[in-house]
PDB file of N, CA and C in Angstrom:
ATOM      1  N   MET A   1       6.202  -4.980 -12.628  1.00  0.00           N
ATOM      2  CA  MET A   1       5.557  -6.307 -11.100  1.00  0.00           C
ATOM      3  C   MET A   1       3.964  -5.935 -11.126  1.00  0.00           C
ATOM      4  N   THR A   2       2.744  -6.211 -11.133  1.00  0.00           N
ATOM      5  CA  THR A   2       1.501  -6.437 -11.302  1.00  0.00           C
ATOM      6  C   THR A   2       1.491  -5.850  -9.227  1.00  0.00           C
ATOM      7  N   VAL A   3       0.172  -5.299  -8.801  1.00  0.00           N
ATOM      8  CA  VAL A   3      -0.319  -5.457  -7.111  1.00  0.00           C
ATOM      9  C   VAL A   3      -0.441  -6.848  -7.620  1.00  0.00           C
ATOM     10  N   LYS A   4      -1.080  -7.719  -8.477  1.00  0.00           N
ATOM     11  CA  LYS A   4      -1.197  -9.091  -7.424  1.00  0.00           C
ATOM     12  C   LYS A   4      -0.696  -9.925  -7.544  1.00  0.00           C
ATOM     13  N   GLU A   5       0.636  -9.366  -8.251  1.00  0.00           N
ATOM     14  CA  GLU A   5       2.019 -10.106  -7.818  1.00  0.00           C
ATOM     15  C   GLU A   5       2.655  -9.856  -6.398  1.00  0.00           C
ATOM     16  N   LEU A   6       2.371  -8.611  -6.820  1.00  0.00           N
ATOM     17  CA  LEU A   6       3.046  -7.375  -4.801  1.00  0.00           C
ATOM     18  C   LEU A   6       2.202  -8.405  -4.288  1.00  0.00           C
ATOM     19  N   ALA A   7       0.743  -8.279  -4.192  1.00  0.00           N
ATOM     20  CA  ALA A   7      -0.171  -9.400  -2.753  1.00  0.00           C
ATOM     21  C   ALA A   7       0.185 -10.546  -2.748  1.00  0.00           C
ATOM     22  N   ASP A   8       0.268 -11.507  -3.842  1.00  0.00           N
ATOM     23  CA  ASP A   8       0.426 -12.728  -3.714  1.00  0.00           C
ATOM     24  C   ASP A   8       2.073 -13.139  -3.002  1.00  0.00           C
ATOM     25  N   ALA A   9       2.936 -12.030  -3.089  1.00  0.00           N
ATOM     26  CA  ALA A   9       3.948 -12.515  -2.164  1.00  0.00           C
ATOM     27  C   ALA A   9       4.625 -11.600  -0.976  1.00  0.00           C
ATOM     28  N   LEU A  10       3.004 -10.889  -0.696  1.00  0.00           N
ATOM     29  CA  LEU A  10       3.489 -10.475   0.828  1.00  0.00           C
ATOM     30  C   LEU A  10       2.451 -10.580   1.584  1.00  0.00           C
ATOM     31  N   GLU A  11       1.687 -12.364   1.214  1.00  0.00           N
ATOM     32  CA  GLU A  11       0.765 -13.162   1.603  1.00  0.00           C
ATOM     33  C   GLU A  11      -0.450 -11.525   2.341  1.00  0.00           C
ATOM     34  N   ALA A  12      -0.475 -11.086   1.266  1.00  0.00           N
ATOM     35  CA  ALA A  12      -2.118  -9.463   1.327  1.00  0.00           C
ATOM     36  C   ALA A  12      -3.141 -10.427   0.940  1.00  0.00           C
ATOM     37  N   GLU A  13      -3.655  -9.347   2.365  1.00  0.00           N
ATOM     38  CA  GLU A  13      -5.264  -9.679   1.833  1.00  0.00           C
ATOM     39  C   GLU A  13      -5.702  -8.496   0.782  1.00  0.00           C
ATOM     40  N   VAL A  14      -6.778  -8.666   0.558  1.00  0.00           N
ATOM     41  CA  VAL A  14      -7.638  -7.480  -0.671  1.00  0.00           C
ATOM     42  C   VAL A  14      -7.919  -7.187   0.353  1.00  0.00           C
ATOM     43  N   LEU A  15      -7.839  -5.581   0.809  1.00  0.00           N
ATOM     44  CA  LEU A  15      -9.762  -5.086   1.633  1.00  0.00           C
ATOM     45  C   LEU A  15      -9.977  -4.122   0.766  1.00  0.00           C
ATOM     46  N   ALA A  16      -9.937  -3.886  -0.636  1.00  0.00           N
ATOM     47  CA  ALA A  16     -10.467  -3.232  -1.558  1.00  0.00           C
ATOM     48  C   ALA A  16      -9.543  -2.976  -2.306  1.00  0.00           C
ATOM     49  N   GLY A  17     -10.261  -2.532  -3.850  1.00  0.00           N
ATOM     50  CA  GLY A  17      -9.394  -2.517  -5.032  1.00  0.00           C
ATOM     51  C   GLY A  17      -9.313  -3.250  -5.323  1.00  0.00           C
ATOM     52  N   ALA A  18     -10.249  -4.574  -5.410  1.00  0.00           N
ATOM     53  CA  ALA A  18     -10.121  -5.904  -6.118  1.00  0.00           C
ATOM     54  C   ALA A  18      -9.430  -5.731  -7.787  1.00  0.00           C
ATOM     55  N   GLY A  19     -10.565  -4.869  -8.075  1.00  0.00           N
ATOM     56  CA  GLY A  19     -10.093  -4.742 -10.019  1.00  0.00           C
ATOM     57  C   GLY A  19      -9.146  -3.819  -9.691  1.00  0.00           C
ATOM     58  N   ARG A  20      -8.869  -3.483  -9.365  1.00  0.00           N
ATOM     59  CA  ARG A  20      -7.594  -3.171  -9.853  1.00  0.00           C
ATOM     60  C   ARG A  20      -6.490  -3.780  -9.529  1.00  0.00           C
ATOM     61  N   LEU A  21      -6.258  -4.640  -9.978  1.00  0.00           N
ATOM     62  CA  LEU A  21      -4.742  -5.608  -8.760  1.00  0.00           C
ATOM     63  C   LEU A  21      -3.878  -5.706 -10.437  1.00  0.00           C
ATOM     64  N   ASP A  22      -4.628  -5.034 -11.535  1.00  0.00           N
ATOM     65  CA  ASP A  22      -3.703  -5.380 -12.500  1.00  0.00           C
ATOM     66  C   ASP A  22      -2.410  -4.492 -13.219  1.00  0.00           C
ATOM     67  N   GLY A  23      -3.856  -3.495 -11.992  1.00  0.00           N
ATOM     68  CA  GLY A  23      -2.138  -2.187 -12.142  1.00  0.00           C
ATOM     69  C   GLY A  23      -0.869  -2.733 -12.039  1.00  0.00           C
ATOM     70  N   ALA A  24       0.579  -1.623 -12.724  1.00  0.00           N
ATOM     71  CA  ALA A  24       1.334  -1.608 -12.679  1.00  0.00           C
ATOM     72  C   ALA A  24       2.725  -1.103 -11.520  1.00  0.00           C
ATOM     73  N   VAL A  25       3.382  -1.535 -10.184  1.00  0.00           N
ATOM     74  CA  VAL A  25       3.811  -0.786  -9.361  1.00  0.00           C
ATOM     75  C   VAL A  25       5.175  -0.851  -9.657  1.00  0.00           C
ATOM     76  N   THR A  26       5.514   1.200  -9.595  1.00  0.00           N
ATOM     77  CA  THR A  26       6.140   1.952 -10.353  1.00  0.00           C
ATOM     78  C   THR A  26       7.901   1.801  -9.691  1.00  0.00           C
ATOM     79  N   GLY A  27       7.831   1.709  -8.235  1.00  0.00           N
ATOM     80  CA  GLY A  27       8.206   2.200  -6.772  1.00  0.00           C
ATOM     81  C   GLY A  27       8.083   1.521  -5.837  1.00  0.00           C
ATOM     82  N   GLY A  28       9.012   1.761  -4.355  1.00  0.00           N
ATOM     83  CA  GLY A  28       8.437   2.431  -2.874  1.00  0.00           C
ATOM     84  C   GLY A  28       8.459   3.411  -1.987  1.00  0.00           C
ATOM     85  N   TYR A  29       8.222   2.290  -1.248  1.00  0.00           N
ATOM     86  CA  TYR A  29       7.472   3.370  -0.031  1.00  0.00           C
ATOM     87  C   TYR A  29       7.172   3.525   1.293  1.00  0.00           C
ATOM     88  N   VAL A  30       8.484   3.334   1.885  1.00  0.00           N
ATOM     89  CA  VAL A  30       8.085   2.479   3.069  1.00  0.00           C
ATOM     90  C   VAL A  30       7.653   3.808   4.114  1.00  0.00           C
ATOM     91  N   SER A  31       6.949   4.793   5.447  1.00  0.00           N
ATOM     92  CA  SER A  31       6.943   5.683   5.409  1.00  0.00           C
ATOM     93  C   SER A  31       5.578   5.849   7.213  1.00  0.00           C
ATOM     94  N   ASP A  32       5.252   6.182   8.041  1.00  0.00           N
ATOM     95  CA  ASP A  32       4.386   6.280   8.804  1.00  0.00           C
ATOM     96  C   ASP A  32       4.202   7.853   9.143  1.00  0.00           C
ATOM     97  N   LEU A  33       4.311   8.872   8.551  1.00  0.00           N
ATOM     98  CA  LEU A  33       4.995   9.722   8.509  1.00  0.00           C
ATOM     99  C   LEU A  33       4.021  10.459   7.706  1.00  0.00           C
ATOM    100  N   LEU A  34       2.862  10.756   7.216  1.00  0.00           N
ATOM    101  CA  LEU A  34       2.160  11.415   6.706  1.00  0.00           C
ATOM    102  C   LEU A  34       1.930  12.144   5.480  1.00  0.00           C
ATOM    103  N   SER A  35       2.878  12.956   6.013  1.00  0.00           N
ATOM    104  CA  SER A  35       3.020  14.715   5.062  1.00  0.00           C
ATOM    105  C   SER A  35       4.698  13.964   4.835  1.00  0.00           C
ATOM    106  N   ASN A  36       5.184  12.872   5.139  1.00  0.00           N
ATOM    107  CA  ASN A  36       6.542  12.573   3.953  1.00  0.00           C
ATOM    108  C   ASN A  36       5.959  11.624   3.408  1.00  0.00           C
ATOM    109  N   VAL A  37       4.966  10.754   3.096  1.00  0.00           N
ATOM    110  CA  VAL A  37       4.684  10.042   2.068  1.00  0.00           C
ATOM    111  C   VAL A  37       4.801  11.291   0.927  1.00  0.00           C
ATOM    112  N   MET A  38       3.950  12.469   1.141  1.00  0.00           N
ATOM    113  CA  MET A  38       2.551  13.113   0.309  1.00  0.00           C
ATOM    114  C   MET A  38       4.229  13.821  -0.060  1.00  0.00           C
ATOM    115  N   ALA A  39       5.175  13.754   0.474  1.00  0.00           N
ATOM    116  CA  ALA A  39       5.863  14.848   0.821  1.00  0.00           C
ATOM    117  C   ALA A  39       7.158  14.045  -1.300  1.00  0.00           C
ATOM    118  N   GLN A  40       7.668  12.669  -0.620  1.00  0.00           N
ATOM    119  CA  GLN A  40       7.850  12.192  -0.923  1.00  0.00           C
ATOM    120  C   GLN A  40       7.388  10.474  -1.799  1.00  0.00           C
ATOM    121  N   ALA A  41       6.482   9.616  -2.231  1.00  0.00           N
ATOM    122  CA  ALA A  41       6.149   8.990  -2.525  1.00  0.00           C
ATOM    123  C   ALA A  41       5.864   8.857  -3.277  1.00  0.00           C
ATOM    124  N   PRO A  42       6.333   8.429  -4.782  1.00  0.00           N
ATOM    125  CA  PRO A  42       6.903   8.221  -6.237  1.00  0.00           C
ATOM    126  C   PRO A  42       4.701   7.233  -6.715  1.00  0.00           C
ATOM    127  N   GLY A  43       4.471   8.880  -7.958  1.00  0.00           N
ATOM    128  CA  GLY A  43       3.114   8.839  -7.567  1.00  0.00           C
ATOM    129  C   GLY A  43       3.705   7.451  -8.845  1.00  0.00           C
ATOM    130  N   GLY A  44       2.556   5.799  -8.486  1.00  0.00           N
ATOM    131  CA  GLY A  44       2.383   4.654  -9.095  1.00  0.00           C
ATOM    132  C   GLY A  44       3.171   3.247  -8.298  1.00  0.00           C
ATOM    133  N   GLY A  45       3.520   3.995  -7.224  1.00  0.00           N
ATOM    134  CA  GLY A  45       4.454   3.390  -5.958  1.00  0.00           C
ATOM    135  C   GLY A  45       2.966   1.945  -5.641  1.00  0.00           C
ATOM    136  N   VAL A  46       3.633   1.414  -4.561  1.00  0.00           N
ATOM    137  CA  VAL A  46       2.643   0.846  -3.641  1.00  0.00           C
ATOM    138  C   VAL A  46       3.754   1.716  -2.193  1.00  0.00           C
ATOM    139  N   TRP A  47       3.356   1.784  -1.208  1.00  0.00           N
ATOM    140  CA  TRP A  47       3.049   2.760   0.369  1.00  0.00           C
ATOM    141  C   TRP A  47       2.695   1.772   1.362  1.00  0.00           C
ATOM    142  N   VAL A  48       4.202   1.552   1.214  1.00  0.00           N
ATOM    143  CA  VAL A  48       3.917   0.653   2.916  1.00  0.00           C
ATOM    144  C   VAL A  48       4.190   0.985   4.072  1.00  0.00           C
ATOM    145  N   THR A  49       2.904   0.971   5.025  1.00  0.00           N
ATOM    146  CA  THR A  49       2.944   1.112   6.188  1.00  0.00           C
ATOM    147  C   THR A  49       2.640   0.629   7.026  1.00  0.00           C
ATOM    148  N   MET A  50       1.827   1.141   8.463  1.00  0.00           N
ATOM    149  CA  MET A  50       1.657   0.699   9.516  1.00  0.00           C
ATOM    150  C   MET A  50      -0.049   1.602   9.984  1.00  0.00           C
ATOM    151  N   GLN A  51      -0.074   2.789   9.779  1.00  0.00           N
ATOM    152  CA  GLN A  51      -1.359   3.916   9.932  1.00  0.00           C
ATOM    153  C   GLN A  51      -2.876   2.625   9.437  1.00  0.00           C
ATOM    154  N   ALA A  52      -3.736   2.914   9.977  1.00  0.00           N
ATOM    155  CA  ALA A  52      -4.610   2.537   9.251  1.00  0.00           C
ATOM    156  C   ALA A  52      -6.393   3.521   9.851  1.00  0.00           C
ATOM    157  N   HIS A  53      -5.508   4.638   9.320  1.00  0.00           N
ATOM    158  CA  HIS A  53      -7.199   5.219   9.926  1.00  0.00           C
ATOM    159  C   HIS A  53      -7.770   5.630   8.208  1.00  0.00           C
ATOM    160  N   PRO A  54      -8.479   6.526   7.632  1.00  0.00           N
ATOM    161  CA  PRO A  54      -9.021   6.766   6.628  1.00  0.00           C
ATOM    162  C   PRO A  54      -8.056   7.941   6.256  1.00  0.00           C
ATOM    163  N   ASN A  55      -7.275   8.968   6.405  1.00  0.00           N
ATOM    164  CA  ASN A  55      -6.371   9.456   6.179  1.00  0.00           C
ATOM    165  C   ASN A  55      -5.834   8.840   4.992  1.00  0.00           C
ATOM    166  N   VAL A  56      -5.222   7.581   5.858  1.00  0.00           N
ATOM    167  CA  VAL A  56      -4.070   7.640   4.610  1.00  0.00           C
ATOM    168  C   VAL A  56      -4.565   6.962   3.517  1.00  0.00           C
ATOM    169  N   VAL A  57      -6.131   6.532   3.388  1.00  0.00           N
ATOM    170  CA  VAL A  57      -6.537   6.426   2.338  1.00  0.00           C
ATOM    171  C   VAL A  57      -6.417   8.364   1.677  1.00  0.00           C
ATOM    172  N   ALA A  58      -6.551   9.016   2.165  1.00  0.00           N
ATOM    173  CA  ALA A  58      -6.347  10.688   1.074  1.00  0.00           C
ATOM    174  C   ALA A  58      -5.317  10.733   0.775  1.00  0.00           C
ATOM    175  N   VAL A  59      -3.768  10.080   1.587  1.00  0.00           N
ATOM    176  CA  VAL A  59      -3.147  10.610   0.743  1.00  0.00           C
ATOM    177  C   VAL A  59      -2.742   9.631  -0.162  1.00  0.00           C
ATOM    178  N   ALA A  60      -2.935   8.770  -0.306  1.00  0.00           N
ATOM    179  CA  ALA A  60      -2.505   7.626  -1.672  1.00  0.00           C
ATOM    180  C   ALA A  60      -3.437   7.502  -2.811  1.00  0.00           C
ATOM    181  N   ALA A  61      -4.874   8.656  -2.441  1.00  0.00           N
ATOM    182  CA  ALA A  61      -5.462   9.030  -4.030  1.00  0.00           C
ATOM    183  C   ALA A  61      -3.954  10.578  -4.623  1.00  0.00           C
ATOM    184  N   LEU A  62      -4.220  11.503  -3.061  1.00  0.00           N
ATOM    185  CA  LEU A  62      -3.005  12.696  -3.385  1.00  0.00           C
ATOM    186  C   LEU A  62      -1.989  12.188  -4.091  1.00  0.00           C
ATOM    187  N   THR A  63      -1.542  11.195  -4.089  1.00  0.00           N
ATOM    188  CA  THR A  63      -0.452  11.199  -4.249  1.00  0.00           C
ATOM    189  C   THR A  63      -0.414  10.228  -5.992  1.00  0.00           C
ATOM    190  N   GLY A  64      -0.740   9.547  -5.939  1.00  0.00           N
ATOM    191  CA  GLY A  64      -0.710   8.615  -7.073  1.00  0.00           C
ATOM    192  C   GLY A  64      -0.750   7.461  -6.878  1.00  0.00           C
ATOM    193  N   LEU A  65      -1.079   6.923  -5.503  1.00  0.00           N
ATOM    194  CA  LEU A  65      -0.016   5.902  -6.030  1.00  0.00           C
ATOM    195  C   LEU A  65      -0.268   4.786  -6.049  1.00  0.00           C
ATOM    196  N   THR A  66      -0.327   3.855  -6.090  1.00  0.00           N
ATOM    197  CA  THR A  66      -0.555   1.492  -7.101  1.00  0.00           C
ATOM    198  C   THR A  66      -1.866   1.485  -5.644  1.00  0.00           C
ATOM    199  N   ALA A  67      -1.307   1.219  -4.965  1.00  0.00           N
ATOM    200  CA  ALA A  67      -1.446   0.398  -3.149  1.00  0.00           C
ATOM    201  C   ALA A  67      -0.720   0.864  -2.634  1.00  0.00           C
ATOM    202  N   VAL A  68      -1.756   0.657  -1.394  1.00  0.00           N
ATOM    203  CA  VAL A  68      -1.167   1.003  -0.534  1.00  0.00           C
ATOM    204  C   VAL A  68      -1.135  -0.599   1.208  1.00  0.00           C
ATOM    205  N   VAL A  69       0.017  -1.168   1.204  1.00  0.00           N
ATOM    206  CA  VAL A  69       0.214  -1.713   2.272  1.00  0.00           C
ATOM    207  C   VAL A  69       0.027  -2.191   4.041  1.00  0.00           C
ATOM    208  N   ILE A  70      -0.826  -2.795   3.985  1.00  0.00           N
ATOM    209  CA  ILE A  70      -0.673  -2.025   6.082  1.00  0.00           C
ATOM    210  C   ILE A  70       0.379  -3.293   7.051  1.00  0.00           C
ATOM    211  N   ALA A  71       1.109  -3.124   7.600  1.00  0.00           N
ATOM    212  CA  ALA A  71       1.847  -4.311   8.136  1.00  0.00           C
ATOM    213  C   ALA A  71       1.756  -5.031   9.093  1.00  0.00           C
ATOM    214  N   GLY A  72       2.443  -5.270   9.579  1.00  0.00           N
ATOM    215  CA  GLY A  72       2.313  -5.486  11.204  1.00  0.00           C
ATOM    216  C   GLY A  72       0.827  -6.237  11.990  1.00  0.00           C
ATOM    217  N   GLY A  73      -0.024  -6.808  10.881  1.00  0.00           N
ATOM    218  CA  GLY A  73      -1.171  -7.557  12.004  1.00  0.00           C
ATOM    219  C   GLY A  73      -1.780  -6.637  12.261  1.00  0.00           C
ATOM    220  N   VAL A  74      -1.354  -5.253  11.185  1.00  0.00           N
ATOM    221  CA  VAL A  74      -3.020  -4.468  11.732  1.00  0.00           C
ATOM    222  C   VAL A  74      -3.869  -4.097  10.773  1.00  0.00           C
ATOM    223  N   ARG A  75      -5.033  -4.448  11.273  1.00  0.00           N
ATOM    224  CA  ARG A  75      -6.303  -3.779  11.413  1.00  0.00           C
ATOM    225  C   ARG A  75      -6.964  -2.556  11.050  1.00  0.00           C
ATOM    226  N   PRO A  76      -7.273  -2.087   9.505  1.00  0.00           N
ATOM    227  CA  PRO A  76      -7.902  -1.248   9.515  1.00  0.00           C
ATOM    228  C   PRO A  76      -9.183  -0.506  10.096  1.00  0.00           C
ATOM    229  N   GLU A  77      -9.727   0.250  10.280  1.00  0.00           N
ATOM    230  CA  GLU A  77     -10.205   1.260  10.396  1.00  0.00           C
ATOM    231  C   GLU A  77     -12.107   0.258   9.731  1.00  0.00           C
ATOM    232  N   ASP A  78     -13.184   0.139   9.446  1.00  0.00           N
ATOM    233  CA  ASP A  78     -14.190  -0.147   9.095  1.00  0.00           C
ATOM    234  C   ASP A  78     -14.540   1.196   7.783  1.00  0.00           C
ATOM    235  N   ALA A  79     -14.333   2.291   8.606  1.00  0.00           N
ATOM    236  CA  ALA A  79     -14.176   3.168   7.533  1.00  0.00           C
ATOM    237  C   ALA A  79     -12.969   3.320   6.544  1.00  0.00           C
ATOM    238  N   THR A  80     -11.346   3.259   7.400  1.00  0.00           N
ATOM    239  CA  THR A  80     -10.310   3.071   6.140  1.00  0.00           C
ATOM    240  C   THR A  80     -10.538   2.458   4.983  1.00  0.00           C
ATOM    241  N   VAL A  81     -11.877   1.257   4.991  1.00  0.00           N
ATOM    242  CA  VAL A  81     -12.196   0.072   4.077  1.00  0.00           C
ATOM    243  C   VAL A  81     -12.405   1.118   3.250  1.00  0.00           C
ATOM    244  N   LYS A  82     -13.767   1.329   3.652  1.00  0.00           N
ATOM    245  CA  LYS A  82     -14.555   2.190   2.721  1.00  0.00           C
ATOM    246  C   LYS A  82     -14.707   3.368   2.355  1.00  0.00           C
ATOM    247  N   LYS A  83     -13.524   4.383   2.379  1.00  0.00           N
ATOM    248  CA  LYS A  83     -12.995   5.072   1.861  1.00  0.00           C
ATOM    249  C   LYS A  83     -12.543   4.503   0.629  1.00  0.00           C
ATOM    250  N   ALA A  84     -11.570   3.492   1.309  1.00  0.00           N
ATOM    251  CA  ALA A  84     -10.458   3.259   0.625  1.00  0.00           C
ATOM    252  C   ALA A  84     -11.998   2.484  -1.319  1.00  0.00           C
ATOM    253  N   ALA A  85     -11.884   1.603  -1.057  1.00  0.00           N
ATOM    254  CA  ALA A  85     -13.333   1.097  -1.596  1.00  0.00           C
ATOM    255  C   ALA A  85     -14.191   2.584  -2.424  1.00  0.00           C
ATOM    256  N   ALA A  86     -13.964   3.571  -2.141  1.00  0.00           N
ATOM    257  CA  ALA A  86     -15.414   4.044  -2.586  1.00  0.00           C
ATOM    258  C   ALA A  86     -14.139   5.342  -3.430  1.00  0.00           C
ATOM    259  N   GLU A  87     -13.328   5.642  -2.893  1.00  0.00           N
ATOM    260  CA  GLU A  87     -11.645   5.592  -3.965  1.00  0.00           C
ATOM    261  C   GLU A  87     -10.849   5.177  -4.771  1.00  0.00           C
ATOM    262  N   GLU A  88     -11.139   4.635  -5.070  1.00  0.00           N
ATOM    263  CA  GLU A  88     -10.868   2.664  -5.595  1.00  0.00           C
ATOM    264  C   GLU A  88      -9.630   3.086  -4.422  1.00  0.00           C
ATOM    265  N   VAL A  89      -8.979   3.216  -4.535  1.00  0.00           N
ATOM    266  CA  VAL A  89      -7.867   3.112  -3.342  1.00  0.00           C
ATOM    267  C   VAL A  89      -6.921   1.300  -3.527  1.00  0.00           C
ATOM    268  N   VAL A  90      -6.218   1.149  -4.160  1.00  0.00           N
ATOM    269  CA  VAL A  90      -6.560  -0.587  -3.686  1.00  0.00           C
ATOM    270  C   VAL A  90      -5.362  -0.742  -2.090  1.00  0.00           C
ATOM    271  N   LEU A  91      -5.404  -1.630  -0.536  1.00  0.00           N
ATOM    272  CA  LEU A  91      -5.615  -1.696   0.608  1.00  0.00           C
ATOM    273  C   LEU A  91      -5.600  -2.927   0.345  1.00  0.00           C
ATOM    274  N   LEU A  92      -4.840  -2.784   1.260  1.00  0.00           N
ATOM    275  CA  LEU A  92      -3.911  -4.470   1.524  1.00  0.00           C
ATOM    276  C   LEU A  92      -3.161  -5.082   2.729  1.00  0.00           C
ATOM    277  N   ALA A  93      -3.816  -5.690   3.585  1.00  0.00           N
ATOM    278  CA  ALA A  93      -2.991  -6.380   5.057  1.00  0.00           C
ATOM    279  C   ALA A  93      -2.367  -7.465   4.209  1.00  0.00           C
ATOM    280  N   THR A  94      -1.728  -7.028   5.599  1.00  0.00           N
ATOM    281  CA  THR A  94       0.151  -8.037   5.530  1.00  0.00           C
ATOM    282  C   THR A  94       0.010  -8.602   7.277  1.00  0.00           C
ATOM    283  N   ALA A  95       0.449 -10.304   7.257  1.00  0.00           N
ATOM    284  CA  ALA A  95       0.955  -9.530   8.615  1.00  0.00           C
ATOM    285  C   ALA A  95       3.212  -9.637   9.221  1.00  0.00           C
ATOM    286  N   LEU A  96       2.572  -9.278   7.156  1.00  0.00           N
ATOM    287  CA  LEU A  96       4.464 -10.004   7.645  1.00  0.00           C
ATOM    288  C   LEU A  96       4.609  -7.906   8.760  1.00  0.00           C
ATOM    289  N   SER A  97       6.035  -8.822   9.136  1.00  0.00           N
ATOM    290  CA  SER A  97       5.998  -6.347   9.752  1.00  0.00           C
ATOM    291  C   SER A  97       6.912  -5.675   8.113  1.00  0.00           C
ATOM    292  N   ALA A  98       6.711  -3.941   9.077  1.00  0.00           N
ATOM    293  CA  ALA A  98       6.606  -3.317   7.726  1.00  0.00           C
ATOM    294  C   ALA A  98       8.546  -3.656   6.835  1.00  0.00           C
ATOM    295  N   PHE A  99       9.190  -4.853   7.944  1.00  0.00           N
ATOM    296  CA  PHE A  99      10.498  -4.709   6.940  1.00  0.00           C
ATOM    297  C   PHE A  99      10.631  -5.950   6.655  1.00  0.00           C
ATOM    298  N   GLU A 100       9.749  -6.984   6.510  1.00  0.00           N
ATOM    299  CA  GLU A 100       9.835  -8.247   6.190  1.00  0.00           C
ATOM    300  C   GLU A 100       8.722  -8.137   4.166  1.00  0.00           C
ATOM    301  N   ALA A 101       8.433  -7.114   4.757  1.00  0.00           N
ATOM    302  CA  ALA A 101       7.509  -6.845   3.648  1.00  0.00           C
ATOM    303  C   ALA A 101       8.882  -6.138   2.104  1.00  0.00           C
ATOM    304  N   VAL A 102       8.999  -5.028   2.979  1.00  0.00           N
ATOM    305  CA  VAL A 102      10.039  -4.288   2.336  1.00  0.00           C
ATOM    306  C   VAL A 102      10.787  -4.804   1.776  1.00  0.00           C
ATOM    307  N   GLY A 103      11.467  -5.542   2.310  1.00  0.00           N
ATOM    308  CA  GLY A 103      12.282  -6.786   2.171  1.00  0.00           C
ATOM    309  C   GLY A 103      11.846  -7.779   0.593  1.00  0.00           C
ATOM    310  N   ARG A 104      10.748  -8.252   1.443  1.00  0.00           N
ATOM    311  CA  ARG A 104      10.785  -9.514  -0.141  1.00  0.00           C
ATOM    312  C   ARG A 104      10.564  -8.402  -1.353  1.00  0.00           C
ATOM    313  N   LEU A 105       9.566  -7.055  -0.625  1.00  0.00           N
ATOM    314  CA  LEU A 105       9.257  -6.228  -2.425  1.00  0.00           C
ATOM    315  C   LEU A 105      11.096  -5.720  -2.880  1.00  0.00           C
ATOM    316  N   TYR A 106      11.909  -5.181  -1.901  1.00  0.00           N
ATOM    317  CA  TYR A 106      12.954  -5.345  -2.933  1.00  0.00           C
ATOM    318  C   TYR A 106      13.870  -6.600  -3.679  1.00  0.00           C
ATOM    319  N   SER A 107      13.203  -7.407  -2.532  1.00  0.00           N
ATOM    320  CA  SER A 107      14.184  -9.055  -3.424  1.00  0.00           C
ATOM    321  C   SER A 107      13.140  -9.066  -5.115  1.00  0.00           C
ATOM    322  N   MET A 108      12.407  -8.254  -4.935  1.00  0.00           N
ATOM    323  CA  MET A 108      11.673  -8.593  -6.533  1.00  0.00           C
ATOM    324  C   MET A 108      11.299  -7.244  -7.701  1.00  0.00           C
ATOM    325  N   GLY A 109      12.555  -6.025  -7.081  1.00  0.00           N
ATOM    326  CA  GLY A 109      12.968  -5.421  -8.125  1.00  0.00           C
ATOM    327  C   GLY A 109      11.870  -3.950  -7.616  1.00  0.00           C
ATOM    328  N   VAL A 110      11.270  -4.199  -7.145  1.00  0.00           N
ATOM    329  CA  VAL A 110      11.266  -3.215  -6.057  1.00  0.00           C
ATOM    330  C   VAL A 110      11.720  -1.775  -5.668  1.00  0.00           C
ATOM    331  N   ARG A 111      11.880  -0.817  -6.222  1.00  0.00           N
ATOM    332  CA  ARG A 111      12.561   0.392  -5.599  1.00  0.00           C
ATOM    333  C   ARG A 111      12.764   2.022  -4.473  1.00  0.00           C
ATOM    334  N   GLY A 112      12.771   2.281  -4.420  1.00  0.00           N
ATOM    335  CA  GLY A 112      12.632   2.776  -3.734  1.00  0.00           C
ATOM    336  C   GLY A 112      13.079   4.292  -5.030  1.00  0.00           C
ATOM    337  N   LEU A 113      12.988   5.590  -3.736  1.00  0.00           N
ATOM    338  CA  LEU A 113      13.624   7.076  -4.336  1.00  0.00           C
ATOM    339  C   LEU A 113      15.092   6.857  -4.733  1.00  0.00           C
TER     340      LEU A 113
END
């Protein structure tokens, strides 16, 4: 699955990284605890969270995630969007709850650890 397909399925707005929507999504992870994501999220995966501060981008870049989905209608800080653009991290936002977003991804074949 590509990031574009994922974004469409989640009715997500692309906030940063529009040039990287053809990237492959190889798995998924959901958590709001940054240290947990750093230790467990799969490289090449998508991370679903409700965190919206700039450290989200740092964690995504560090772990090699393909995309970050901010769920629940949460809007990221401007600094987060700017950092994601600078780091070339795909940042998506959806009004879907994290539960609904992960359910849709799972039904499309995206699996976690």
